[in-house]
Amino acid sequence: MSDHIEVRVTAGSPEEADRLAGTVVGRRLAACAQIVGPIASVYWWDGEVNRSQEWLVLFKTTAERFGDLSGCVREVHSYDVPEIIAVPVAMGTGDYLSWIDRETNL
């Protein structure tokens, strides 16, 4: 497993995406967050297909911080079941990955 991950979280508004990014980065659970959007989402919920506009937050962190990061997102997110998906970083420059380590190390 990779030591570094990107965690993807969707939010229902730009304000919520900004709040999630600020809270997670402020607690040093991720070195940074990027907000992308709006994006169009199509998904099953309550037995039917739904469509909505969402914002995607991309957190750069370490695998070790995933549990705390996902707990923080659940604490402040408005969704009953927020998307919290970690993708391993296959490669990255040494200085960038070291920066992630420094900024998320308590």
PDB file of N, CA and C in Angstrom:
ATOM      1  N   MET A   1       0.838  -1.178   0.000  1.00  0.00           N
ATOM      2  CA  MET A   1       0.000   0.000   0.000  1.00  0.00           C
ATOM      3  C   MET A   1       0.889   1.249   0.000  1.00  0.00           C
ATOM      4  N   SER A   2       0.444   2.265  -0.704  1.00  0.00           N
ATOM      5  CA  SER A   2       1.178   3.522  -0.787  1.00  0.00           C
ATOM      6  C   SER A   2       1.130   4.262   0.548  1.00  0.00           C
ATOM      7  N   ASP A   3       2.202   4.960   0.864  1.00  0.00           N
ATOM      8  CA  ASP A   3       2.223   5.786   2.078  1.00  0.00           C
ATOM      9  C   ASP A   3       1.421   7.060   1.914  1.00  0.00           C
ATOM     10  N   HIS A   4       1.195   7.480   0.663  1.00  0.00           N
ATOM     11  CA  HIS A   4       0.496   8.732   0.372  1.00  0.00           C
ATOM     12  C   HIS A   4      -0.781   8.434  -0.393  1.00  0.00           C
ATOM     13  N   ILE A   5      -1.825   9.195  -0.096  1.00  0.00           N
ATOM     14  CA  ILE A   5      -3.121   8.991  -0.727  1.00  0.00           C
ATOM     15  C   ILE A   5      -3.751  10.324  -1.096  1.00  0.00           C
ATOM     16  N   GLU A   6      -4.697  10.245  -2.032  1.00  0.00           N
ATOM     17  CA  GLU A   6      -5.584  11.366  -2.312  1.00  0.00           C
ATOM     18  C   GLU A   6      -6.959  10.911  -1.865  1.00  0.00           C
ATOM     19  N   VAL A   7      -7.606  11.697  -1.029  1.00  0.00           N
ATOM     20  CA  VAL A   7      -8.937  11.361  -0.527  1.00  0.00           C
ATOM     21  C   VAL A   7      -9.939  12.248  -1.240  1.00  0.00           C
ATOM     22  N   ARG A   8     -10.950  11.614  -1.814  1.00  0.00           N
ATOM     23  CA  ARG A   8     -11.985  12.321  -2.580  1.00  0.00           C
ATOM     24  C   ARG A   8     -13.273  12.384  -1.766  1.00  0.00           C
ATOM     25  N   VAL A   9     -13.798  13.584  -1.655  1.00  0.00           N
ATOM     26  CA  VAL A   9     -15.033  13.823  -0.911  1.00  0.00           C
ATOM     27  C   VAL A   9     -15.893  14.771  -1.738  1.00  0.00           C
ATOM     28  N   THR A  10     -17.169  14.451  -1.912  1.00  0.00           N
ATOM     29  CA  THR A  10     -18.068  15.369  -2.601  1.00  0.00           C
ATOM     30  C   THR A  10     -18.885  16.152  -1.573  1.00  0.00           C
ATOM     31  N   ALA A  11     -19.281  17.355  -1.980  1.00  0.00           N
ATOM     32  CA  ALA A  11     -20.078  18.233  -1.120  1.00  0.00           C
ATOM     33  C   ALA A  11     -21.202  18.845  -1.950  1.00  0.00           C
ATOM     34  N   GLY A  12     -22.285  19.202  -1.287  1.00  0.00           N
ATOM     35  CA  GLY A  12     -23.465  19.708  -1.964  1.00  0.00           C
ATOM     36  C   GLY A  12     -23.461  21.181  -2.311  1.00  0.00           C
ATOM     37  N   SER A  13     -22.450  21.908  -1.858  1.00  0.00           N
ATOM     38  CA  SER A  13     -22.374  23.341  -2.154  1.00  0.00           C
ATOM     39  C   SER A  13     -20.911  23.781  -2.076  1.00  0.00           C
ATOM     40  N   PRO A  14     -20.591  24.910  -2.712  1.00  0.00           N
ATOM     41  CA  PRO A  14     -19.215  25.402  -2.597  1.00  0.00           C
ATOM     42  C   PRO A  14     -18.869  25.797  -1.161  1.00  0.00           C
ATOM     43  N   GLU A  15     -19.850  26.263  -0.416  1.00  0.00           N
ATOM     44  CA  GLU A  15     -19.616  26.644   0.976  1.00  0.00           C
ATOM     45  C   GLU A  15     -19.266  25.416   1.824  1.00  0.00           C
ATOM     46  N   GLU A  16     -19.991  24.327   1.601  1.00  0.00           N
ATOM     47  CA  GLU A  16     -19.689  23.110   2.356  1.00  0.00           C
ATOM     48  C   GLU A  16     -18.324  22.557   1.954  1.00  0.00           C
ATOM     49  N   ALA A  17     -18.001  22.584   0.681  1.00  0.00           N
ATOM     50  CA  ALA A  17     -16.687  22.123   0.227  1.00  0.00           C
ATOM     51  C   ALA A  17     -15.585  22.945   0.886  1.00  0.00           C
ATOM     52  N   ASP A  18     -15.764  24.251   0.946  1.00  0.00           N
ATOM     53  CA  ASP A  18     -14.778  25.129   1.573  1.00  0.00           C
ATOM     54  C   ASP A  18     -14.658  24.845   3.066  1.00  0.00           C
ATOM     55  N   ARG A  19     -15.786  24.608   3.723  1.00  0.00           N
ATOM     56  CA  ARG A  19     -15.774  24.297   5.156  1.00  0.00           C
ATOM     57  C   ARG A  19     -15.044  22.978   5.416  1.00  0.00           C
ATOM     58  N   LEU A  20     -15.321  21.961   4.592  1.00  0.00           N
ATOM     59  CA  LEU A  20     -14.637  20.674   4.740  1.00  0.00           C
ATOM     60  C   LEU A  20     -13.134  20.840   4.541  1.00  0.00           C
ATOM     61  N   ALA A  21     -12.754  21.542   3.477  1.00  0.00           N
ATOM     62  CA  ALA A  21     -11.335  21.752   3.183  1.00  0.00           C
ATOM     63  C   ALA A  21     -10.645  22.480   4.331  1.00  0.00           C
ATOM     64  N   GLY A  22     -11.255  23.558   4.801  1.00  0.00           N
ATOM     65  CA  GLY A  22     -10.653  24.338   5.882  1.00  0.00           C
ATOM     66  C   GLY A  22     -10.529  23.558   7.178  1.00  0.00           C
ATOM     67  N   THR A  23     -11.540  22.766   7.493  1.00  0.00           N
ATOM     68  CA  THR A  23     -11.522  21.996   8.739  1.00  0.00           C
ATOM     69  C   THR A  23     -10.459  20.907   8.691  1.00  0.00           C
ATOM     70  N   VAL A  24     -10.439  20.138   7.615  1.00  0.00           N
ATOM     71  CA  VAL A  24      -9.484  19.025   7.496  1.00  0.00           C
ATOM     72  C   VAL A  24      -8.047  19.536   7.451  1.00  0.00           C
ATOM     73  N   VAL A  25      -7.784  20.537   6.621  1.00  0.00           N
ATOM     74  CA  VAL A  25      -6.424  21.074   6.528  1.00  0.00           C
ATOM     75  C   VAL A  25      -6.057  21.788   7.833  1.00  0.00           C
ATOM     76  N   GLY A  26      -7.007  22.505   8.414  1.00  0.00           N
ATOM     77  CA  GLY A  26      -6.746  23.189   9.673  1.00  0.00           C
ATOM     78  C   GLY A  26      -6.354  22.243  10.797  1.00  0.00           C
ATOM     79  N   ARG A  27      -6.899  21.043  10.776  1.00  0.00           N
ATOM     80  CA  ARG A  27      -6.547  20.031  11.785  1.00  0.00           C
ATOM     81  C   ARG A  27      -5.300  19.232  11.388  1.00  0.00           C
ATOM     82  N   ARG A  28      -4.679  19.595  10.283  1.00  0.00           N
ATOM     83  CA  ARG A  28      -3.464  18.955   9.757  1.00  0.00           C
ATOM     84  C   ARG A  28      -3.685  17.483   9.407  1.00  0.00           C
ATOM     85  N   LEU A  29      -4.911  17.166   9.006  1.00  0.00           N
ATOM     86  CA  LEU A  29      -5.221  15.810   8.560  1.00  0.00           C
ATOM     87  C   LEU A  29      -4.896  15.632   7.083  1.00  0.00           C
ATOM     88  N   ALA A  30      -4.678  16.731   6.396  1.00  0.00           N
ATOM     89  CA  ALA A  30      -4.232  16.744   5.004  1.00  0.00           C
ATOM     90  C   ALA A  30      -3.323  17.953   4.838  1.00  0.00           C
ATOM     91  N   ALA A  31      -2.367  17.825   3.933  1.00  0.00           N
ATOM     92  CA  ALA A  31      -1.453  18.937   3.671  1.00  0.00           C
ATOM     93  C   ALA A  31      -2.133  20.021   2.859  1.00  0.00           C
ATOM     94  N   CYS A  32      -3.070  19.618   2.000  1.00  0.00           N
ATOM     95  CA  CYS A  32      -3.789  20.596   1.189  1.00  0.00           C
ATOM     96  C   CYS A  32      -5.100  19.991   0.715  1.00  0.00           C
ATOM     97  N   ALA A  33      -5.943  20.852   0.189  1.00  0.00           N
ATOM     98  CA  ALA A  33      -7.213  20.430  -0.391  1.00  0.00           C
ATOM     99  C   ALA A  33      -7.452  21.263  -1.633  1.00  0.00           C
ATOM    100  N   GLN A  34      -7.957  20.621  -2.664  1.00  0.00           N
ATOM    101  CA  GLN A  34      -8.338  21.319  -3.883  1.00  0.00           C
ATOM    102  C   GLN A  34      -9.827  21.111  -4.086  1.00  0.00           C
ATOM    103  N   ILE A  35     -10.518  22.179  -4.451  1.00  0.00           N
ATOM    104  CA  ILE A  35     -11.961  22.109  -4.675  1.00  0.00           C
ATOM    105  C   ILE A  35     -12.217  22.256  -6.163  1.00  0.00           C
ATOM    106  N   VAL A  36     -12.937  21.292  -6.719  1.00  0.00           N
ATOM    107  CA  VAL A  36     -13.251  21.253  -8.142  1.00  0.00           C
ATOM    108  C   VAL A  36     -14.769  21.293  -8.284  1.00  0.00           C
ATOM    109  N   GLY A  37     -15.263  22.118  -9.172  1.00  0.00           N
ATOM    110  CA  GLY A  37     -16.698  22.098  -9.369  1.00  0.00           C
ATOM    111  C   GLY A  37     -17.207  23.357 -10.026  1.00  0.00           C
ATOM    112  N   PRO A  38     -18.460  23.329 -10.303  1.00  0.00           N
ATOM    113  CA  PRO A  38     -19.380  22.242  -9.980  1.00  0.00           C
ATOM    114  C   PRO A  38     -19.201  21.046 -10.915  1.00  0.00           C
ATOM    115  N   ILE A  39     -19.586  19.885 -10.400  1.00  0.00           N
ATOM    116  CA  ILE A  39     -19.608  18.657 -11.183  1.00  0.00           C
ATOM    117  C   ILE A  39     -21.038  18.128 -11.190  1.00  0.00           C
ATOM    118  N   ALA A  40     -21.373  17.369 -12.208  1.00  0.00           N
ATOM    119  CA  ALA A  40     -22.694  16.742 -12.289  1.00  0.00           C
ATOM    120  C   ALA A  40     -22.583  15.329 -11.735  1.00  0.00           C
ATOM    121  N   SER A  41     -23.441  14.983 -10.798  1.00  0.00           N
ATOM    122  CA  SER A  41     -23.444  13.650 -10.201  1.00  0.00           C
ATOM    123  C   SER A  41     -24.771  12.963 -10.486  1.00  0.00           C
ATOM    124  N   VAL A  42     -24.692  11.693 -10.838  1.00  0.00           N
ATOM    125  CA  VAL A  42     -25.859  10.844 -11.064  1.00  0.00           C
ATOM    126  C   VAL A  42     -25.666   9.624 -10.170  1.00  0.00           C
ATOM    127  N   TYR A  43     -26.659   9.328  -9.307  1.00  0.00           N
ATOM    128  CA  TYR A  43     -26.457   8.287  -8.308  1.00  0.00           C
ATOM    129  C   TYR A  43     -27.797   7.730  -7.817  1.00  0.00           C
ATOM    130  N   TRP A  44     -27.721   6.535  -7.248  1.00  0.00           N
ATOM    131  CA  TRP A  44     -28.889   5.931  -6.611  1.00  0.00           C
ATOM    132  C   TRP A  44     -29.002   6.433  -5.178  1.00  0.00           C
ATOM    133  N   TRP A  45     -30.211   6.828  -4.764  1.00  0.00           N
ATOM    134  CA  TRP A  45     -30.483   7.192  -3.374  1.00  0.00           C
ATOM    135  C   TRP A  45     -31.959   7.011  -3.097  1.00  0.00           C
ATOM    136  N   ASP A  46     -32.292   6.343  -2.025  1.00  0.00           N
ATOM    137  CA  ASP A  46     -33.680   6.077  -1.635  1.00  0.00           C
ATOM    138  C   ASP A  46     -34.462   5.403  -2.757  1.00  0.00           C
ATOM    139  N   GLY A  47     -33.825   4.455  -3.444  1.00  0.00           N
ATOM    140  CA  GLY A  47     -34.512   3.646  -4.436  1.00  0.00           C
ATOM    141  C   GLY A  47     -34.731   4.290  -5.788  1.00  0.00           C
ATOM    142  N   GLU A  48     -34.123   5.440  -6.034  1.00  0.00           N
ATOM    143  CA  GLU A  48     -34.292   6.074  -7.339  1.00  0.00           C
ATOM    144  C   GLU A  48     -33.011   6.768  -7.783  1.00  0.00           C
ATOM    145  N   VAL A  49     -32.931   6.990  -9.067  1.00  0.00           N
ATOM    146  CA  VAL A  49     -31.779   7.685  -9.631  1.00  0.00           C
ATOM    147  C   VAL A  49     -31.956   9.187  -9.411  1.00  0.00           C
ATOM    148  N   ASN A  50     -30.926   9.807  -8.885  1.00  0.00           N
ATOM    149  CA  ASN A  50     -30.933  11.244  -8.613  1.00  0.00           C
ATOM    150  C   ASN A  50     -29.842  11.927  -9.419  1.00  0.00           C
ATOM    151  N   ARG A  51     -30.032  13.188  -9.660  1.00  0.00           N
ATOM    152  CA  ARG A  51     -29.035  14.034 -10.311  1.00  0.00           C
ATOM    153  C   ARG A  51     -28.873  15.289  -9.474  1.00  0.00           C
ATOM    154  N   SER A  52     -27.616  15.677  -9.282  1.00  0.00           N
ATOM    155  CA  SER A  52     -27.382  16.901  -8.513  1.00  0.00           C
ATOM    156  C   SER A  52     -26.054  17.523  -8.921  1.00  0.00           C
ATOM    157  N   GLN A  53     -25.896  18.755  -8.508  1.00  0.00           N
ATOM    158  CA  GLN A  53     -24.648  19.476  -8.704  1.00  0.00           C
ATOM    159  C   GLN A  53     -23.865  19.351  -7.399  1.00  0.00           C
ATOM    160  N   GLU A  54     -22.597  18.966  -7.513  1.00  0.00           N
ATOM    161  CA  GLU A  54     -21.753  18.813  -6.330  1.00  0.00           C
ATOM    162  C   GLU A  54     -20.398  19.458  -6.589  1.00  0.00           C
ATOM    163  N   TRP A  55     -19.622  19.542  -5.516  1.00  0.00           N
ATOM    164  CA  TRP A  55     -18.245  20.025  -5.580  1.00  0.00           C
ATOM    165  C   TRP A  55     -17.367  18.918  -5.038  1.00  0.00           C
ATOM    166  N   LEU A  56     -16.245  18.674  -5.697  1.00  0.00           N
ATOM    167  CA  LEU A  56     -15.320  17.608  -5.334  1.00  0.00           C
ATOM    168  C   LEU A  56     -14.132  18.204  -4.588  1.00  0.00           C
ATOM    169  N   VAL A  57     -13.852  17.666  -3.415  1.00  0.00           N
ATOM    170  CA  VAL A  57     -12.703  18.103  -2.630  1.00  0.00           C
ATOM    171  C   VAL A  57     -11.660  16.985  -2.688  1.00  0.00           C
ATOM    172  N   LEU A  58     -10.447  17.350  -3.104  1.00  0.00           N
ATOM    173  CA  LEU A  58      -9.344  16.401  -3.210  1.00  0.00           C
ATOM    174  C   LEU A  58      -8.327  16.728  -2.122  1.00  0.00           C
ATOM    175  N   PHE A  59      -8.179  15.822  -1.168  1.00  0.00           N
ATOM    176  CA  PHE A  59      -7.241  16.011  -0.061  1.00  0.00           C
ATOM    177  C   PHE A  59      -5.968  15.217  -0.330  1.00  0.00           C
ATOM    178  N   LYS A  60      -4.806  15.819  -0.086  1.00  0.00           N
ATOM    179  CA  LYS A  60      -3.521  15.133  -0.187  1.00  0.00           C
ATOM    180  C   LYS A  60      -3.042  14.845   1.224  1.00  0.00           C
ATOM    181  N   THR A  61      -2.820  13.560   1.525  1.00  0.00           N
ATOM    182  CA  THR A  61      -2.467  13.175   2.883  1.00  0.00           C
ATOM    183  C   THR A  61      -1.689  11.870   2.877  1.00  0.00           C
ATOM    184  N   THR A  62      -1.492  11.303   4.064  1.00  0.00           N
ATOM    185  CA  THR A  62      -0.823  10.014   4.192  1.00  0.00           C
ATOM    186  C   THR A  62      -1.857   8.945   4.535  1.00  0.00           C
ATOM    187  N   ALA A  63      -1.520   7.710   4.214  1.00  0.00           N
ATOM    188  CA  ALA A  63      -2.421   6.600   4.534  1.00  0.00           C
ATOM    189  C   ALA A  63      -2.674   6.534   6.045  1.00  0.00           C
ATOM    190  N   GLU A  64      -1.666   6.868   6.820  1.00  0.00           N
ATOM    191  CA  GLU A  64      -1.780   6.846   8.278  1.00  0.00           C
ATOM    192  C   GLU A  64      -2.855   7.807   8.792  1.00  0.00           C
ATOM    193  N   ARG A  65      -3.109   8.896   8.089  1.00  0.00           N
ATOM    194  CA  ARG A  65      -4.066   9.913   8.533  1.00  0.00           C
ATOM    195  C   ARG A  65      -5.494   9.649   8.042  1.00  0.00           C
ATOM    196  N   PHE A  66      -5.690   8.605   7.226  1.00  0.00           N
ATOM    197  CA  PHE A  66      -7.008   8.380   6.627  1.00  0.00           C
ATOM    198  C   PHE A  66      -8.114   8.225   7.677  1.00  0.00           C
ATOM    199  N   GLY A  67      -7.894   7.443   8.704  1.00  0.00           N
ATOM    200  CA  GLY A  67      -8.939   7.223   9.716  1.00  0.00           C
ATOM    201  C   GLY A  67      -9.397   8.510  10.377  1.00  0.00           C
ATOM    202  N   ASP A  68      -8.426   9.339  10.772  1.00  0.00           N
ATOM    203  CA  ASP A  68      -8.770  10.616  11.405  1.00  0.00           C
ATOM    204  C   ASP A  68      -9.444  11.556  10.410  1.00  0.00           C
ATOM    205  N   LEU A  69      -8.949  11.576   9.171  1.00  0.00           N
ATOM    206  CA  LEU A  69      -9.541  12.445   8.141  1.00  0.00           C
ATOM    207  C   LEU A  69     -10.986  12.031   7.871  1.00  0.00           C
ATOM    208  N   SER A  70     -11.228  10.738   7.685  1.00  0.00           N
ATOM    209  CA  SER A  70     -12.596  10.298   7.393  1.00  0.00           C
ATOM    210  C   SER A  70     -13.522  10.569   8.572  1.00  0.00           C
ATOM    211  N   GLY A  71     -13.021  10.423   9.794  1.00  0.00           N
ATOM    212  CA  GLY A  71     -13.835  10.755  10.969  1.00  0.00           C
ATOM    213  C   GLY A  71     -14.185  12.225  11.023  1.00  0.00           C
ATOM    214  N   CYS A  72     -13.241  13.073  10.685  1.00  0.00           N
ATOM    215  CA  CYS A  72     -13.474  14.519  10.659  1.00  0.00           C
ATOM    216  C   CYS A  72     -14.524  14.871   9.611  1.00  0.00           C
ATOM    217  N   VAL A  73     -14.404  14.285   8.427  1.00  0.00           N
ATOM    218  CA  VAL A  73     -15.381  14.559   7.362  1.00  0.00           C
ATOM    219  C   VAL A  73     -16.772  14.143   7.824  1.00  0.00           C
ATOM    220  N   ARG A  74     -16.898  12.967   8.400  1.00  0.00           N
ATOM    221  CA  ARG A  74     -18.215  12.500   8.887  1.00  0.00           C
ATOM    222  C   ARG A  74     -18.780  13.449   9.952  1.00  0.00           C
ATOM    223  N   GLU A  75     -17.910  13.996  10.773  1.00  0.00           N
ATOM    224  CA  GLU A  75     -18.324  14.904  11.850  1.00  0.00           C
ATOM    225  C   GLU A  75     -18.951  16.185  11.311  1.00  0.00           C
ATOM    226  N   VAL A  76     -18.422  16.726  10.214  1.00  0.00           N
ATOM    227  CA  VAL A  76     -18.875  18.040   9.748  1.00  0.00           C
ATOM    228  C   VAL A  76     -19.691  18.003   8.449  1.00  0.00           C
ATOM    229  N   HIS A  77     -19.804  16.848   7.808  1.00  0.00           N
ATOM    230  CA  HIS A  77     -20.490  16.755   6.516  1.00  0.00           C
ATOM    231  C   HIS A  77     -22.005  16.719   6.699  1.00  0.00           C
ATOM    232  N   SER A  78     -22.722  17.285   5.745  1.00  0.00           N
ATOM    233  CA  SER A  78     -24.190  17.310   5.827  1.00  0.00           C
ATOM    234  C   SER A  78     -24.843  16.028   5.296  1.00  0.00           C
ATOM    235  N   TYR A  79     -24.118  15.235   4.515  1.00  0.00           N
ATOM    236  CA  TYR A  79     -24.704  14.019   3.929  1.00  0.00           C
ATOM    237  C   TYR A  79     -24.801  12.905   4.971  1.00  0.00           C
ATOM    238  N   ASP A  80     -25.834  12.064   4.836  1.00  0.00           N
ATOM    239  CA  ASP A  80     -25.948  10.874   5.679  1.00  0.00           C
ATOM    240  C   ASP A  80     -24.809   9.898   5.385  1.00  0.00           C
ATOM    241  N   VAL A  81     -24.481   9.750   4.110  1.00  0.00           N
ATOM    242  CA  VAL A  81     -23.421   8.836   3.674  1.00  0.00           C
ATOM    243  C   VAL A  81     -22.498   9.604   2.721  1.00  0.00           C
ATOM    244  N   PRO A  82     -21.541  10.342   3.267  1.00  0.00           N
ATOM    245  CA  PRO A  82     -20.656  11.100   2.386  1.00  0.00           C
ATOM    246  C   PRO A  82     -19.694  10.187   1.633  1.00  0.00           C
ATOM    247  N   GLU A  83     -19.347  10.593   0.430  1.00  0.00           N
ATOM    248  CA  GLU A  83     -18.309   9.892  -0.321  1.00  0.00           C
ATOM    249  C   GLU A  83     -16.970  10.214   0.324  1.00  0.00           C
ATOM    250  N   ILE A  84     -16.270   9.180   0.752  1.00  0.00           N
ATOM    251  CA  ILE A  84     -14.921   9.327   1.303  1.00  0.00           C
ATOM    252  C   ILE A  84     -14.112   8.175   0.709  1.00  0.00           C
ATOM    253  N   ILE A  85     -13.383   8.455  -0.349  1.00  0.00           N
ATOM    254  CA  ILE A  85     -12.651   7.419  -1.083  1.00  0.00           C
ATOM    255  C   ILE A  85     -11.181   7.795  -1.141  1.00  0.00           C
ATOM    256  N   ALA A  86     -10.331   6.865  -0.765  1.00  0.00           N
ATOM    257  CA  ALA A  86      -8.889   7.092  -0.829  1.00  0.00           C
ATOM    258  C   ALA A  86      -8.306   6.368  -2.037  1.00  0.00           C
ATOM    259  N   VAL A  87      -7.461   7.083  -2.763  1.00  0.00           N
ATOM    260  CA  VAL A  87      -6.774   6.540  -3.930  1.00  0.00           C
ATOM    261  C   VAL A  87      -5.273   6.619  -3.649  1.00  0.00           C
ATOM    262  N   PRO A  88      -4.543   5.501  -3.803  1.00  0.00           N
ATOM    263  CA  PRO A  88      -3.106   5.555  -3.533  1.00  0.00           C
ATOM    264  C   PRO A  88      -2.374   6.414  -4.557  1.00  0.00           C
ATOM    265  N   VAL A  89      -1.355   7.101  -4.087  1.00  0.00           N
ATOM    266  CA  VAL A  89      -0.486   7.870  -4.971  1.00  0.00           C
ATOM    267  C   VAL A  89       0.609   6.908  -5.430  1.00  0.00           C
ATOM    268  N   ALA A  90       0.604   6.574  -6.699  1.00  0.00           N
ATOM    269  CA  ALA A  90       1.569   5.608  -7.230  1.00  0.00           C
ATOM    270  C   ALA A  90       2.971   6.192  -7.291  1.00  0.00           C
ATOM    271  N   MET A  91       3.068   7.454  -7.662  1.00  0.00           N
ATOM    272  CA  MET A  91       4.358   8.131  -7.746  1.00  0.00           C
ATOM    273  C   MET A  91       4.162   9.614  -7.482  1.00  0.00           C
ATOM    274  N   GLY A  92       5.229  10.242  -7.044  1.00  0.00           N
ATOM    275  CA  GLY A  92       5.237  11.678  -6.825  1.00  0.00           C
ATOM    276  C   GLY A  92       6.664  12.125  -6.611  1.00  0.00           C
ATOM    277  N   THR A  93       6.901  13.400  -6.779  1.00  0.00           N
ATOM    278  CA  THR A  93       8.260  13.891  -6.561  1.00  0.00           C
ATOM    279  C   THR A  93       8.585  13.822  -5.068  1.00  0.00           C
ATOM    280  N   GLY A  94       9.839  13.565  -4.781  1.00  0.00           N
ATOM    281  CA  GLY A  94      10.271  13.409  -3.401  1.00  0.00           C
ATOM    282  C   GLY A  94       9.992  14.615  -2.540  1.00  0.00           C
ATOM    283  N   ASP A  95      10.232  15.799  -3.086  1.00  0.00           N
ATOM    284  CA  ASP A  95      10.018  17.004  -2.290  1.00  0.00           C
ATOM    285  C   ASP A  95       8.540  17.222  -1.980  1.00  0.00           C
ATOM    286  N   TYR A  96       7.652  16.909  -2.936  1.00  0.00           N
ATOM    287  CA  TYR A  96       6.215  17.073  -2.702  1.00  0.00           C
ATOM    288  C   TYR A  96       5.717  16.073  -1.663  1.00  0.00           C
ATOM    289  N   LEU A  97       6.128  14.821  -1.786  1.00  0.00           N
ATOM    290  CA  LEU A  97       5.693  13.805  -0.830  1.00  0.00           C
ATOM    291  C   LEU A  97       6.254  14.082   0.563  1.00  0.00           C
ATOM    292  N   SER A  98       7.477  14.597   0.636  1.00  0.00           N
ATOM    293  CA  SER A  98       8.052  14.983   1.928  1.00  0.00           C
ATOM    294  C   SER A  98       7.271  16.132   2.549  1.00  0.00           C
ATOM    295  N   TRP A  99       6.817  17.063   1.703  1.00  0.00           N
ATOM    296  CA  TRP A  99       6.000  18.178   2.192  1.00  0.00           C
ATOM    297  C   TRP A  99       4.703  17.661   2.802  1.00  0.00           C
ATOM    298  N   ILE A 100       4.048  16.707   2.128  1.00  0.00           N
ATOM    299  CA  ILE A 100       2.825  16.108   2.685  1.00  0.00           C
ATOM    300  C   ILE A 100       3.125  15.495   4.048  1.00  0.00           C
ATOM    301  N   ASP A 101       4.225  14.754   4.140  1.00  0.00           N
ATOM    302  CA  ASP A 101       4.604  14.136   5.431  1.00  0.00           C
ATOM    303  C   ASP A 101       4.787  15.189   6.516  1.00  0.00           C
ATOM    304  N   ARG A 102       5.517  16.242   6.206  1.00  0.00           N
ATOM    305  CA  ARG A 102       5.773  17.298   7.198  1.00  0.00           C
ATOM    306  C   ARG A 102       4.489  17.966   7.662  1.00  0.00           C
ATOM    307  N   GLU A 103       3.611  18.284   6.736  1.00  0.00           N
ATOM    308  CA  GLU A 103       2.414  19.054   7.076  1.00  0.00           C
ATOM    309  C   GLU A 103       1.330  18.240   7.764  1.00  0.00           C
ATOM    310  N   THR A 104       1.411  16.927   7.709  1.00  0.00           N
ATOM    311  CA  THR A 104       0.410  16.082   8.362  1.00  0.00           C
ATOM    312  C   THR A 104       0.968  15.362   9.582  1.00  0.00           C
ATOM    313  N   ASN A 105       2.214  15.611   9.895  1.00  0.00           N
ATOM    314  CA  ASN A 105       2.864  14.960  11.041  1.00  0.00           C
ATOM    315  C   ASN A 105       2.597  15.782  12.297  1.00  0.00           C
ATOM    316  N   LEU A 106       1.942  15.156  13.253  1.00  0.00           N
ATOM    317  CA  LEU A 106       1.633  15.879  14.493  1.00  0.00           C
ATOM    318  C   LEU A 106       2.787  15.807  15.422  1.00  0.00           C
TER     319      LEU A 106
END
